[in-house]
Amino acid sequence: MIQAVTAAVIWCLVLCLLPGARTRKDHSILVAAVAIATALSLNVGPIYIAGDQALGDRNLLDLVANILMVVGIYFLSQAILRAAELNDAPVRRDRRGLLILGLVSVGLVLAFLGIEAPVSSTKFMLDYGDQPAAALYSVIQFVYIGVVVGVTGYVCFRFRRRMAASYFRVAFTLIGIGCCLALVVVFAVLGMDVAHLLGEQSTMEQLAAVYDTSFVGSMVFLCAGLALPPVARRIVRRAQLKTQAGLLESLTSTWEKATATRKDGRLAAPAAAIERGDPETRRLHRMLVEIEDALLMDPAAAKLLDEADFQTLTRTEDYLASNQGRQDGRVGLARWGRRKDPSGR
């Protein structure tokens, strides 16, 4: 049941990440989410039985799922560590990390080959965990996961305050909490492995309760933290588009007034994209530049603008400044108009 719930949570994360997949430079989070979701899905009872039967009823599907899990954890860590770097440098191949991942995968395969598991089981470690090879199989996987999520959680808590966007700070905090809970999962599993070898059934049951709670909690916090940035960006983008549409509608009237006597200097097609970047933002900037040029060349044109026009200019300036800063160091249009307007507006 826990596997099915956590798998559903991770697949929801995948759905949140898919809309921006085409424009995203780094697909590590999407790869990680798909790998982890697939690993968890393969451990769901009916899916596991059917899949393992297709592979010969030798529990090979457990090995496949665990390798997918460590692969997913690796890519998850890489994505978060790169996000903490706060730069747009090209994604570089982490050869050392890939080498360690490869060695861990080989270790899992070798340990698995030493386990006597003749019957397909949806409770693999519970049924076969009393074997030293099975304990080693589990230890290799969870020690690796523990080291990776430990480093990732440390980076999240250390660098979260450097994030400019508030939703990134919240996301890093949620991911950090998820990593801490994942460490609890790791210690619970390692404790169960030792208890199983020693035949301490009561200890195993107590640690299993800790495992169940912390496992679900870690997945929920990790998914919430990973889903927050793309969802928040889409919400912010929709708000920006709405703001841009309102500013363009208001600014067009002001632009018409200010440039009425300088039609030869107007932008031929104000609705078109200017140079590169966001077309609407570029259009706003170009219209502001044309209004400023008109006021500089003909100060009397300021008389054609009323209070509402200057308020529109101020709002547009503030919007552009908050999104991209000053484009070319020109004097603020609305403030210039208020100072230079001969009519004393």
C-alpha atoms as a PDB file:
ATOM      1  CA  MET A   1       0.000   0.000   0.000  1.00  0.00           C
ATOM      2  CA  ILE A   2       2.805   2.429   0.913  1.00  0.00           C
ATOM      3  CA  GLN A   3       4.585   1.709  -2.358  1.00  0.00           C
ATOM      4  CA  ALA A   4       1.436   2.470  -4.333  1.00  0.00           C
ATOM      5  CA  VAL A   5       0.793   5.741  -2.458  1.00  0.00           C
ATOM      6  CA  THR A   6       4.362   7.007  -2.819  1.00  0.00           C
ATOM      7  CA  ALA A   7       4.488   5.940  -6.479  1.00  0.00           C
ATOM      8  CA  ALA A   8       1.309   7.944  -7.126  1.00  0.00           C
ATOM      9  CA  VAL A   9       2.862  10.977  -5.428  1.00  0.00           C
ATOM     10  CA  ILE A  10       5.997  10.754  -7.605  1.00  0.00           C
ATOM     11  CA  TRP A  11       3.950  10.325 -10.782  1.00  0.00           C
ATOM     12  CA  CYS A  12       2.089  13.504  -9.844  1.00  0.00           C
ATOM     13  CA  LEU A  13       5.484  15.211  -9.694  1.00  0.00           C
ATOM     14  CA  VAL A  14       6.236  13.913 -13.192  1.00  0.00           C
ATOM     15  CA  LEU A  15       2.988  15.458 -14.440  1.00  0.00           C
ATOM     16  CA  CYS A  16       4.012  18.795 -12.883  1.00  0.00           C
ATOM     17  CA  LEU A  17       7.395  18.664 -14.630  1.00  0.00           C
ATOM     18  CA  LEU A  18       6.211  17.618 -18.090  1.00  0.00           C
ATOM     19  CA  PRO A  19       4.741  20.973 -19.287  1.00  0.00           C
ATOM     20  CA  GLY A  20       8.133  22.709 -19.247  1.00  0.00           C
ATOM     21  CA  ALA A  21      10.202  19.754 -20.485  1.00  0.00           C
ATOM     22  CA  ARG A  22      10.750  21.179 -23.980  1.00  0.00           C
ATOM     23  CA  THR A  23      12.216  24.468 -22.807  1.00  0.00           C
ATOM     24  CA  ARG A  24      14.153  23.145 -19.806  1.00  0.00           C
ATOM     25  CA  LYS A  25      17.916  22.829 -20.377  1.00  0.00           C
ATOM     26  CA  ASP A  26      18.507  20.330 -17.591  1.00  0.00           C
ATOM     27  CA  HIS A  27      16.208  17.293 -17.475  1.00  0.00           C
ATOM     28  CA  SER A  28      17.812  15.698 -14.422  1.00  0.00           C
ATOM     29  CA  ILE A  29      14.776  16.227 -12.186  1.00  0.00           C
ATOM     30  CA  LEU A  30      12.422  14.719 -14.762  1.00  0.00           C
ATOM     31  CA  VAL A  31      14.745  11.731 -15.267  1.00  0.00           C
ATOM     32  CA  ALA A  32      15.007  11.303 -11.493  1.00  0.00           C
ATOM     33  CA  ALA A  33      11.254  11.505 -10.989  1.00  0.00           C
ATOM     34  CA  VAL A  34      10.511   8.974 -13.737  1.00  0.00           C
ATOM     35  CA  ALA A  35      13.192   6.568 -12.468  1.00  0.00           C
ATOM     36  CA  ILE A  36      12.036   6.750  -8.836  1.00  0.00           C
ATOM     37  CA  ALA A  37       8.346   6.546  -9.771  1.00  0.00           C
ATOM     38  CA  THR A  38       9.040   3.500 -11.955  1.00  0.00           C
ATOM     39  CA  ALA A  39      11.063   1.842  -9.184  1.00  0.00           C
ATOM     40  CA  LEU A  40       8.263   2.346  -6.680  1.00  0.00           C
ATOM     41  CA  SER A  41       5.624   1.218  -9.169  1.00  0.00           C
ATOM     42  CA  LEU A  42       7.509  -2.020  -9.858  1.00  0.00           C
ATOM     43  CA  ASN A  43       7.299  -2.826  -6.138  1.00  0.00           C
ATOM     44  CA  VAL A  44       3.498  -2.613  -6.077  1.00  0.00           C
ATOM     45  CA  GLY A  45       2.247  -6.184  -5.443  1.00  0.00           C
ATOM     46  CA  PRO A  46       0.317  -7.095  -8.619  1.00  0.00           C
ATOM     47  CA  ILE A  47       2.796  -5.274 -10.886  1.00  0.00           C
ATOM     48  CA  TYR A  48       5.744  -6.974  -9.206  1.00  0.00           C
ATOM     49  CA  ILE A  49       4.271 -10.471  -9.460  1.00  0.00           C
ATOM     50  CA  ALA A  50       3.326 -10.068 -13.120  1.00  0.00           C
ATOM     51  CA  GLY A  51       6.641  -8.470 -14.058  1.00  0.00           C
ATOM     52  CA  ASP A  52       8.775 -10.942 -12.142  1.00  0.00           C
ATOM     53  CA  GLN A  53       6.940 -13.864 -13.695  1.00  0.00           C
ATOM     54  CA  ALA A  54       7.882 -12.488 -17.086  1.00  0.00           C
ATOM     55  CA  LEU A  55      11.540 -12.462 -15.946  1.00  0.00           C
ATOM     56  CA  GLY A  56      11.491 -16.062 -14.666  1.00  0.00           C
ATOM     57  CA  ASP A  57      10.221 -15.790 -11.069  1.00  0.00           C
ATOM     58  CA  ARG A  58      13.725 -15.129  -9.702  1.00  0.00           C
ATOM     59  CA  ASN A  59      13.040 -11.719  -8.119  1.00  0.00           C
ATOM     60  CA  LEU A  60      15.041 -10.010 -10.830  1.00  0.00           C
ATOM     61  CA  LEU A  61      12.446  -7.251 -10.813  1.00  0.00           C
ATOM     62  CA  ASP A  62      13.563  -6.310  -7.287  1.00  0.00           C
ATOM     63  CA  LEU A  63      17.100  -5.815  -8.604  1.00  0.00           C
ATOM     64  CA  VAL A  64      15.815  -3.727 -11.513  1.00  0.00           C
ATOM     65  CA  ALA A  65      13.708  -1.572  -9.180  1.00  0.00           C
ATOM     66  CA  ASN A  66      16.595  -0.972  -6.780  1.00  0.00           C
ATOM     67  CA  ILE A  67      18.996  -0.005  -9.571  1.00  0.00           C
ATOM     68  CA  LEU A  68      16.372   2.419 -10.900  1.00  0.00           C
ATOM     69  CA  MET A  69      16.035   3.853  -7.398  1.00  0.00           C
ATOM     70  CA  VAL A  70      19.750   4.624  -7.008  1.00  0.00           C
ATOM     71  CA  VAL A  71      19.830   6.056 -10.544  1.00  0.00           C
ATOM     72  CA  GLY A  72      16.875   8.293  -9.694  1.00  0.00           C
ATOM     73  CA  ILE A  73      18.466   9.445  -6.440  1.00  0.00           C
ATOM     74  CA  TYR A  74      21.687  10.297  -8.302  1.00  0.00           C
ATOM     75  CA  PHE A  75      19.935  12.446 -10.917  1.00  0.00           C
ATOM     76  CA  LEU A  76      17.804  14.079  -8.226  1.00  0.00           C
ATOM     77  CA  SER A  77      20.901  15.082  -6.303  1.00  0.00           C
ATOM     78  CA  GLN A  78      22.625  16.382  -9.444  1.00  0.00           C
ATOM     79  CA  ALA A  79      19.664  18.584 -10.334  1.00  0.00           C
ATOM     80  CA  ILE A  80      19.474  20.106  -6.857  1.00  0.00           C
ATOM     81  CA  LEU A  81      23.230  20.651  -6.595  1.00  0.00           C
ATOM     82  CA  ARG A  82      23.267  22.409  -9.981  1.00  0.00           C
ATOM     83  CA  ALA A  83      20.324  24.582  -8.945  1.00  0.00           C
ATOM     84  CA  ALA A  84      22.319  25.685  -5.889  1.00  0.00           C
ATOM     85  CA  GLU A  85      25.191  26.878  -8.099  1.00  0.00           C
ATOM     86  CA  LEU A  86      23.078  29.855  -9.303  1.00  0.00           C
ATOM     87  CA  ASN A  87      24.635  30.059 -12.748  1.00  0.00           C
ATOM     88  CA  ASP A  88      23.679  29.236 -16.307  1.00  0.00           C
ATOM     89  CA  ALA A  89      26.830  27.324 -17.179  1.00  0.00           C
ATOM     90  CA  PRO A  90      26.359  24.374 -19.539  1.00  0.00           C
ATOM     91  CA  VAL A  91      25.543  21.099 -17.835  1.00  0.00           C
ATOM     92  CA  ARG A  92      28.771  19.159 -17.347  1.00  0.00           C
ATOM     93  CA  ARG A  93      29.001  15.404 -17.100  1.00  0.00           C
ATOM     94  CA  ASP A  94      29.735  14.299 -13.554  1.00  0.00           C
ATOM     95  CA  ARG A  95      32.194  11.516 -14.363  1.00  0.00           C
ATOM     96  CA  ARG A  96      33.118  10.763 -10.769  1.00  0.00           C
ATOM     97  CA  GLY A  97      29.489  10.597  -9.710  1.00  0.00           C
ATOM     98  CA  LEU A  98      28.608   8.370 -12.672  1.00  0.00           C
ATOM     99  CA  LEU A  99      31.555   6.111 -11.851  1.00  0.00           C
ATOM    100  CA  ILE A 100      30.384   5.726  -8.247  1.00  0.00           C
ATOM    101  CA  LEU A 101      26.833   5.082  -9.465  1.00  0.00           C
ATOM    102  CA  GLY A 102      28.161   2.408 -11.807  1.00  0.00           C
ATOM    103  CA  LEU A 103      30.136   0.752  -9.007  1.00  0.00           C
ATOM    104  CA  VAL A 104      27.080   0.773  -6.740  1.00  0.00           C
ATOM    105  CA  SER A 105      24.979  -0.817  -9.486  1.00  0.00           C
ATOM    106  CA  VAL A 106      27.602  -3.513 -10.035  1.00  0.00           C
ATOM    107  CA  GLY A 107      27.751  -4.094  -6.268  1.00  0.00           C
ATOM    108  CA  LEU A 108      23.970  -4.553  -6.187  1.00  0.00           C
ATOM    109  CA  VAL A 109      24.128  -7.086  -9.001  1.00  0.00           C
ATOM    110  CA  LEU A 110      26.949  -9.082  -7.365  1.00  0.00           C
ATOM    111  CA  ALA A 111      25.261  -9.082  -3.958  1.00  0.00           C
ATOM    112  CA  PHE A 112      21.945 -10.104  -5.519  1.00  0.00           C
ATOM    113  CA  LEU A 113      23.585 -13.077  -7.249  1.00  0.00           C
ATOM    114  CA  GLY A 114      24.611 -14.389  -3.842  1.00  0.00           C
ATOM    115  CA  ILE A 115      21.052 -14.419  -2.472  1.00  0.00           C
ATOM    116  CA  GLU A 116      19.009 -17.621  -2.440  1.00  0.00           C
ATOM    117  CA  ALA A 117      15.598 -16.353  -3.546  1.00  0.00           C
ATOM    118  CA  PRO A 118      13.899 -19.145  -5.494  1.00  0.00           C
ATOM    119  CA  VAL A 119      10.339 -17.821  -5.153  1.00  0.00           C
ATOM    120  CA  SER A 120       9.046 -14.466  -6.369  1.00  0.00           C
ATOM    121  CA  SER A 121       8.204 -12.325  -3.326  1.00  0.00           C
ATOM    122  CA  THR A 122       6.629  -8.909  -2.906  1.00  0.00           C
ATOM    123  CA  LYS A 123       8.358  -8.757   0.508  1.00  0.00           C
ATOM    124  CA  PHE A 124      11.839  -9.589  -0.670  1.00  0.00           C
ATOM    125  CA  MET A 125      13.879  -8.407   2.314  1.00  0.00           C
ATOM    126  CA  LEU A 126      11.336  -9.701   4.815  1.00  0.00           C
ATOM    127  CA  ASP A 127      11.488 -13.179   3.276  1.00  0.00           C
ATOM    128  CA  TYR A 128      15.198 -13.346   2.420  1.00  0.00           C
ATOM    129  CA  GLY A 129      16.798 -10.634   4.576  1.00  0.00           C
ATOM    130  CA  ASP A 130      18.226 -13.159   7.046  1.00  0.00           C
ATOM    131  CA  GLN A 131      20.936 -14.007   4.514  1.00  0.00           C
ATOM    132  CA  PRO A 132      24.234 -12.055   4.768  1.00  0.00           C
ATOM    133  CA  ALA A 133      24.195 -11.497   0.988  1.00  0.00           C
ATOM    134  CA  ALA A 134      20.723  -9.949   1.233  1.00  0.00           C
ATOM    135  CA  ALA A 135      21.851  -7.694   4.073  1.00  0.00           C
ATOM    136  CA  LEU A 136      24.847  -6.611   1.968  1.00  0.00           C
ATOM    137  CA  TYR A 137      22.505  -6.030  -0.991  1.00  0.00           C
ATOM    138  CA  SER A 138      20.390  -3.688   1.135  1.00  0.00           C
ATOM    139  CA  VAL A 139      23.363  -1.984   2.789  1.00  0.00           C
ATOM    140  CA  ILE A 140      24.994  -1.107  -0.553  1.00  0.00           C
ATOM    141  CA  GLN A 141      21.815   0.519  -1.791  1.00  0.00           C
ATOM    142  CA  PHE A 142      20.903   2.459   1.329  1.00  0.00           C
ATOM    143  CA  VAL A 143      24.388   3.584   2.305  1.00  0.00           C
ATOM    144  CA  TYR A 144      24.677   5.129  -1.165  1.00  0.00           C
ATOM    145  CA  ILE A 145      21.244   6.729  -0.860  1.00  0.00           C
ATOM    146  CA  GLY A 146      22.103   7.993   2.626  1.00  0.00           C
ATOM    147  CA  VAL A 147      25.331   9.667   1.499  1.00  0.00           C
ATOM    148  CA  VAL A 148      23.688  11.278  -1.537  1.00  0.00           C
ATOM    149  CA  VAL A 149      20.601  12.620   0.246  1.00  0.00           C
ATOM    150  CA  GLY A 150      22.748  13.733   3.190  1.00  0.00           C
ATOM    151  CA  VAL A 151      24.912  15.892   0.947  1.00  0.00           C
ATOM    152  CA  THR A 152      21.852  17.141  -0.934  1.00  0.00           C
ATOM    153  CA  GLY A 153      20.022  18.092   2.246  1.00  0.00           C
ATOM    154  CA  TYR A 154      23.079  19.932   3.562  1.00  0.00           C
ATOM    155  CA  VAL A 155      23.339  21.930   0.320  1.00  0.00           C
ATOM    156  CA  CYS A 156      19.628  22.785   0.440  1.00  0.00           C
ATOM    157  CA  PHE A 157      19.772  24.187   3.969  1.00  0.00           C
ATOM    158  CA  ARG A 158      23.070  25.958   3.386  1.00  0.00           C
ATOM    159  CA  PHE A 159      22.181  27.734   0.155  1.00  0.00           C
ATOM    160  CA  ARG A 160      18.413  28.238   0.414  1.00  0.00           C
ATOM    161  CA  ARG A 161      18.834  31.842   1.602  1.00  0.00           C
ATOM    162  CA  ARG A 162      20.783  32.664  -1.573  1.00  0.00           C
ATOM    163  CA  MET A 163      17.763  31.963  -3.750  1.00  0.00           C
ATOM    164  CA  ALA A 164      16.304  35.207  -5.144  1.00  0.00           C
ATOM    165  CA  ALA A 165      12.754  33.901  -5.566  1.00  0.00           C
ATOM    166  CA  SER A 166      10.834  33.164  -2.392  1.00  0.00           C
ATOM    167  CA  TYR A 167       9.323  30.013  -3.869  1.00  0.00           C
ATOM    168  CA  PHE A 168      12.839  28.653  -4.472  1.00  0.00           C
ATOM    169  CA  ARG A 169      13.714  29.257  -0.813  1.00  0.00           C
ATOM    170  CA  VAL A 170      10.580  27.403   0.261  1.00  0.00           C
ATOM    171  CA  ALA A 171      11.323  24.620  -2.246  1.00  0.00           C
ATOM    172  CA  PHE A 172      14.873  24.149  -0.949  1.00  0.00           C
ATOM    173  CA  THR A 173      13.544  24.031   2.617  1.00  0.00           C
ATOM    174  CA  LEU A 174      10.977  21.355   1.703  1.00  0.00           C
ATOM    175  CA  ILE A 175      13.600  19.320  -0.156  1.00  0.00           C
ATOM    176  CA  GLY A 176      15.959  19.641   2.816  1.00  0.00           C
ATOM    177  CA  ILE A 177      13.278  18.317   5.153  1.00  0.00           C
ATOM    178  CA  GLY A 178      12.593  15.489   2.696  1.00  0.00           C
ATOM    179  CA  CYS A 179      16.297  14.614   2.696  1.00  0.00           C
ATOM    180  CA  CYS A 180      16.354  14.548   6.504  1.00  0.00           C
ATOM    181  CA  LEU A 181      13.405  12.158   6.536  1.00  0.00           C
ATOM    182  CA  ALA A 182      15.138  10.073   3.863  1.00  0.00           C
ATOM    183  CA  LEU A 183      18.112   9.751   6.223  1.00  0.00           C
ATOM    184  CA  VAL A 184      15.727   8.415   8.875  1.00  0.00           C
ATOM    185  CA  VAL A 185      14.568   5.873   6.284  1.00  0.00           C
ATOM    186  CA  VAL A 186      18.169   4.846   5.640  1.00  0.00           C
ATOM    187  CA  PHE A 187      18.978   4.335   9.323  1.00  0.00           C
ATOM    188  CA  ALA A 188      15.714   2.442   9.839  1.00  0.00           C
ATOM    189  CA  VAL A 189      16.520   0.087   6.953  1.00  0.00           C
ATOM    190  CA  LEU A 190      20.080  -0.492   8.148  1.00  0.00           C
ATOM    191  CA  GLY A 191      18.742  -1.196  11.621  1.00  0.00           C
ATOM    192  CA  MET A 192      16.200  -3.675  10.219  1.00  0.00           C
ATOM    193  CA  ASP A 193      18.963  -5.415   8.265  1.00  0.00           C
ATOM    194  CA  VAL A 194      21.008  -5.953  11.418  1.00  0.00           C
ATOM    195  CA  ALA A 195      17.957  -6.964  13.456  1.00  0.00           C
ATOM    196  CA  HIS A 196      16.951  -9.467  10.783  1.00  0.00           C
ATOM    197  CA  LEU A 197      20.377 -11.099  10.815  1.00  0.00           C
ATOM    198  CA  LEU A 198      20.207 -11.334  14.617  1.00  0.00           C
ATOM    199  CA  GLY A 199      16.619 -12.613  14.616  1.00  0.00           C
ATOM    200  CA  GLU A 200      15.292  -9.635  16.606  1.00  0.00           C
ATOM    201  CA  GLN A 201      11.709  -9.687  15.327  1.00  0.00           C
ATOM    202  CA  SER A 202      10.336  -7.090  17.760  1.00  0.00           C
ATOM    203  CA  THR A 203      13.089  -4.615  16.837  1.00  0.00           C
ATOM    204  CA  MET A 204      12.316  -5.151  13.167  1.00  0.00           C
ATOM    205  CA  GLU A 205       8.636  -4.376  13.716  1.00  0.00           C
ATOM    206  CA  GLN A 206       9.425  -1.180  15.612  1.00  0.00           C
ATOM    207  CA  LEU A 207      11.845  -0.006  12.939  1.00  0.00           C
ATOM    208  CA  ALA A 208       9.357  -0.948  10.217  1.00  0.00           C
ATOM    209  CA  ALA A 209       6.859   1.514  11.705  1.00  0.00           C
ATOM    210  CA  VAL A 210       9.531   4.237  11.647  1.00  0.00           C
ATOM    211  CA  TYR A 211      10.382   3.292   8.063  1.00  0.00           C
ATOM    212  CA  ASP A 212       6.788   3.493   6.840  1.00  0.00           C
ATOM    213  CA  THR A 213       6.146   6.919   8.340  1.00  0.00           C
ATOM    214  CA  SER A 214       9.448   8.493   7.361  1.00  0.00           C
ATOM    215  CA  PHE A 215       9.369   7.009   3.841  1.00  0.00           C
ATOM    216  CA  VAL A 216       5.978   8.502   3.023  1.00  0.00           C
ATOM    217  CA  GLY A 217       6.976  11.799   4.635  1.00  0.00           C
ATOM    218  CA  SER A 218      10.258  12.032   2.728  1.00  0.00           C
ATOM    219  CA  MET A 219       8.557  11.430  -0.620  1.00  0.00           C
ATOM    220  CA  VAL A 220       5.818  13.963   0.080  1.00  0.00           C
ATOM    221  CA  PHE A 221       8.289  16.700   1.101  1.00  0.00           C
ATOM    222  CA  LEU A 222      10.656  15.951  -1.774  1.00  0.00           C
ATOM    223  CA  CYS A 223       7.851  15.996  -4.325  1.00  0.00           C
ATOM    224  CA  ALA A 224       6.381  19.188  -2.891  1.00  0.00           C
ATOM    225  CA  GLY A 225       9.763  20.897  -3.017  1.00  0.00           C
ATOM    226  CA  LEU A 226      10.523  19.724  -6.544  1.00  0.00           C
ATOM    227  CA  ALA A 227       7.083  20.567  -7.916  1.00  0.00           C
ATOM    228  CA  LEU A 228       6.901  24.036  -6.375  1.00  0.00           C
ATOM    229  CA  PRO A 229       9.334  25.917  -8.703  1.00  0.00           C
ATOM    230  CA  PRO A 230       7.805  24.860 -12.052  1.00  0.00           C
ATOM    231  CA  VAL A 231       4.258  25.342 -10.790  1.00  0.00           C
ATOM    232  CA  ALA A 232       5.130  28.714  -9.243  1.00  0.00           C
ATOM    233  CA  ARG A 233       6.867  29.834 -12.433  1.00  0.00           C
ATOM    234  CA  ARG A 234       3.765  29.056 -14.466  1.00  0.00           C
ATOM    235  CA  ILE A 235       1.586  30.993 -12.025  1.00  0.00           C
ATOM    236  CA  VAL A 236       3.982  33.948 -12.039  1.00  0.00           C
ATOM    237  CA  ARG A 237       4.136  33.854 -15.829  1.00  0.00           C
ATOM    238  CA  ARG A 238       0.347  33.981 -16.121  1.00  0.00           C
ATOM    239  CA  ALA A 239       0.288  36.951 -13.741  1.00  0.00           C
ATOM    240  CA  GLN A 240       3.001  38.669 -15.788  1.00  0.00           C
ATOM    241  CA  LEU A 241       1.078  38.154 -19.017  1.00  0.00           C
ATOM    242  CA  LYS A 242      -2.014  39.673 -17.441  1.00  0.00           C
ATOM    243  CA  THR A 243      -0.003  42.649 -16.152  1.00  0.00           C
ATOM    244  CA  GLN A 244       1.693  43.097 -19.518  1.00  0.00           C
ATOM    245  CA  ALA A 245      -1.630  43.086 -21.351  1.00  0.00           C
ATOM    246  CA  GLY A 246      -3.005  45.785 -19.039  1.00  0.00           C
ATOM    247  CA  LEU A 247       0.127  47.931 -19.326  1.00  0.00           C
ATOM    248  CA  LEU A 248       0.237  47.618 -23.113  1.00  0.00           C
ATOM    249  CA  GLU A 249      -3.381  48.678 -23.396  1.00  0.00           C
ATOM    250  CA  SER A 250      -2.835  51.731 -21.196  1.00  0.00           C
ATOM    251  CA  LEU A 251       0.582  52.632 -22.582  1.00  0.00           C
ATOM    252  CA  THR A 252      -0.578  52.536 -26.204  1.00  0.00           C
ATOM    253  CA  SER A 253      -2.806  55.552 -25.595  1.00  0.00           C
ATOM    254  CA  THR A 254       0.036  57.453 -23.915  1.00  0.00           C
ATOM    255  CA  TRP A 255       2.400  56.473 -26.733  1.00  0.00           C
ATOM    256  CA  GLU A 256      -0.063  57.758 -29.344  1.00  0.00           C
ATOM    257  CA  LYS A 257      -0.264  61.138 -27.593  1.00  0.00           C
ATOM    258  CA  ALA A 258       3.450  61.590 -26.941  1.00  0.00           C
ATOM    259  CA  THR A 259       4.583  60.563 -30.436  1.00  0.00           C
ATOM    260  CA  ALA A 260       1.777  62.192 -32.407  1.00  0.00           C
ATOM    261  CA  THR A 261       4.145  64.849 -33.785  1.00  0.00           C
ATOM    262  CA  ARG A 262       7.007  62.406 -34.427  1.00  0.00           C
ATOM    263  CA  LYS A 263       5.358  59.642 -36.426  1.00  0.00           C
ATOM    264  CA  ASP A 264       8.501  59.152 -38.479  1.00  0.00           C
ATOM    265  CA  GLY A 265      10.312  57.959 -35.350  1.00  0.00           C
ATOM    266  CA  ARG A 266       7.630  55.549 -34.239  1.00  0.00           C
ATOM    267  CA  LEU A 267       8.014  51.836 -34.104  1.00  0.00           C
ATOM    268  CA  ALA A 268       6.511  50.681 -37.393  1.00  0.00           C
ATOM    269  CA  ALA A 269       4.770  47.655 -35.867  1.00  0.00           C
ATOM    270  CA  PRO A 270       4.534  48.084 -32.101  1.00  0.00           C
ATOM    271  CA  ALA A 271       2.916  44.692 -31.672  1.00  0.00           C
ATOM    272  CA  ALA A 272       5.882  42.881 -33.190  1.00  0.00           C
ATOM    273  CA  ALA A 273       8.791  41.378 -31.256  1.00  0.00           C
ATOM    274  CA  ILE A 274      11.803  43.678 -30.970  1.00  0.00           C
ATOM    275  CA  GLU A 275      15.196  42.030 -31.194  1.00  0.00           C
ATOM    276  CA  ARG A 276      15.228  38.995 -28.892  1.00  0.00           C
ATOM    277  CA  GLY A 277      13.621  38.027 -25.603  1.00  0.00           C
ATOM    278  CA  ASP A 278      10.047  38.319 -24.386  1.00  0.00           C
ATOM    279  CA  PRO A 279       8.156  40.083 -27.218  1.00  0.00           C
ATOM    280  CA  GLU A 280       5.687  41.838 -24.927  1.00  0.00           C
ATOM    281  CA  THR A 281       8.378  43.096 -22.554  1.00  0.00           C
ATOM    282  CA  ARG A 282      10.486  44.276 -25.482  1.00  0.00           C
ATOM    283  CA  ARG A 283       7.488  46.082 -26.898  1.00  0.00           C
ATOM    284  CA  LEU A 284       6.843  47.880 -23.609  1.00  0.00           C
ATOM    285  CA  HIS A 285      10.471  48.940 -23.433  1.00  0.00           C
ATOM    286  CA  ARG A 286      10.522  50.185 -27.028  1.00  0.00           C
ATOM    287  CA  MET A 287       7.361  52.224 -26.528  1.00  0.00           C
ATOM    288  CA  LEU A 288       8.851  53.795 -23.376  1.00  0.00           C
ATOM    289  CA  VAL A 289      12.001  54.682 -25.296  1.00  0.00           C
ATOM    290  CA  GLU A 290       9.958  56.325 -28.047  1.00  0.00           C
ATOM    291  CA  ILE A 291       7.937  58.311 -25.504  1.00  0.00           C
ATOM    292  CA  GLU A 292      11.126  59.507 -23.805  1.00  0.00           C
ATOM    293  CA  ASP A 293      12.666  60.474 -27.136  1.00  0.00           C
ATOM    294  CA  ALA A 294       9.547  62.432 -28.002  1.00  0.00           C
ATOM    295  CA  LEU A 295       9.597  64.301 -24.666  1.00  0.00           C
ATOM    296  CA  LEU A 296      13.312  65.043 -24.982  1.00  0.00           C
ATOM    297  CA  MET A 297      13.004  66.357 -28.519  1.00  0.00           C
ATOM    298  CA  ASP A 298       9.769  68.250 -27.903  1.00  0.00           C
ATOM    299  CA  PRO A 299       9.189  69.094 -24.202  1.00  0.00           C
ATOM    300  CA  ALA A 300       5.890  70.703 -25.142  1.00  0.00           C
ATOM    301  CA  ALA A 301       4.575  67.221 -25.934  1.00  0.00           C
ATOM    302  CA  ALA A 302       4.350  66.638 -22.180  1.00  0.00           C
ATOM    303  CA  LYS A 303       1.339  68.967 -22.155  1.00  0.00           C
ATOM    304  CA  LEU A 304      -0.542  66.333 -24.112  1.00  0.00           C
ATOM    305  CA  LEU A 305      -0.167  63.857 -21.240  1.00  0.00           C
ATOM    306  CA  ASP A 306      -2.423  63.873 -18.187  1.00  0.00           C
ATOM    307  CA  GLU A 307      -1.972  62.449 -14.693  1.00  0.00           C
ATOM    308  CA  ALA A 308      -3.231  59.025 -15.759  1.00  0.00           C
ATOM    309  CA  ASP A 309      -0.592  58.897 -18.504  1.00  0.00           C
ATOM    310  CA  PHE A 310       2.222  59.648 -16.067  1.00  0.00           C
ATOM    311  CA  GLN A 311       0.879  56.996 -13.683  1.00  0.00           C
ATOM    312  CA  THR A 312       0.911  54.512 -16.555  1.00  0.00           C
ATOM    313  CA  LEU A 313       4.523  55.413 -17.302  1.00  0.00           C
ATOM    314  CA  THR A 314       5.467  54.941 -13.657  1.00  0.00           C
ATOM    315  CA  ARG A 315       3.775  51.538 -13.478  1.00  0.00           C
ATOM    316  CA  THR A 316       5.464  50.434 -16.685  1.00  0.00           C
ATOM    317  CA  GLU A 317       8.870  51.588 -15.443  1.00  0.00           C
ATOM    318  CA  ASP A 318       8.407  49.771 -12.155  1.00  0.00           C
ATOM    319  CA  TYR A 319       7.304  46.607 -13.938  1.00  0.00           C
ATOM    320  CA  LEU A 320      10.291  46.597 -16.286  1.00  0.00           C
ATOM    321  CA  ALA A 321      12.702  47.427 -13.461  1.00  0.00           C
ATOM    322  CA  SER A 322      11.412  44.544 -11.341  1.00  0.00           C
ATOM    323  CA  ASN A 323      11.667  42.081 -14.203  1.00  0.00           C
ATOM    324  CA  GLN A 324      14.795  43.052 -16.085  1.00  0.00           C
ATOM    325  CA  GLY A 325      16.303  46.195 -14.581  1.00  0.00           C
ATOM    326  CA  ARG A 326      17.153  49.316 -16.505  1.00  0.00           C
ATOM    327  CA  GLN A 327      17.647  48.551 -20.186  1.00  0.00           C
ATOM    328  CA  ASP A 328      20.008  51.309 -21.130  1.00  0.00           C
ATOM    329  CA  GLY A 329      20.434  53.676 -18.209  1.00  0.00           C
ATOM    330  CA  ARG A 330      17.995  56.299 -19.444  1.00  0.00           C
ATOM    331  CA  VAL A 331      16.300  58.691 -17.049  1.00  0.00           C
ATOM    332  CA  GLY A 332      13.006  57.420 -15.665  1.00  0.00           C
ATOM    333  CA  LEU A 333      10.290  58.472 -18.056  1.00  0.00           C
ATOM    334  CA  ALA A 334       7.498  59.303 -15.664  1.00  0.00           C
ATOM    335  CA  ARG A 335       9.829  61.100 -13.250  1.00  0.00           C
ATOM    336  CA  TRP A 336      11.495  63.006 -16.129  1.00  0.00           C
ATOM    337  CA  GLY A 337       8.069  64.061 -17.364  1.00  0.00           C
ATOM    338  CA  ARG A 338       7.094  65.348 -13.947  1.00  0.00           C
ATOM    339  CA  ARG A 339      10.281  67.361 -13.631  1.00  0.00           C
ATOM    340  CA  LYS A 340      10.564  68.685 -17.173  1.00  0.00           C
ATOM    341  CA  ASP A 341       6.941  69.297 -18.057  1.00  0.00           C
ATOM    342  CA  PRO A 342       6.774  73.108 -18.645  1.00  0.00           C
ATOM    343  CA  SER A 343       3.162  73.114 -17.587  1.00  0.00           C
ATOM    344  CA  GLY A 344       4.223  72.100 -14.082  1.00  0.00           C
ATOM    345  CA  ARG A 345       2.375  68.837 -13.971  1.00  0.00           C
END
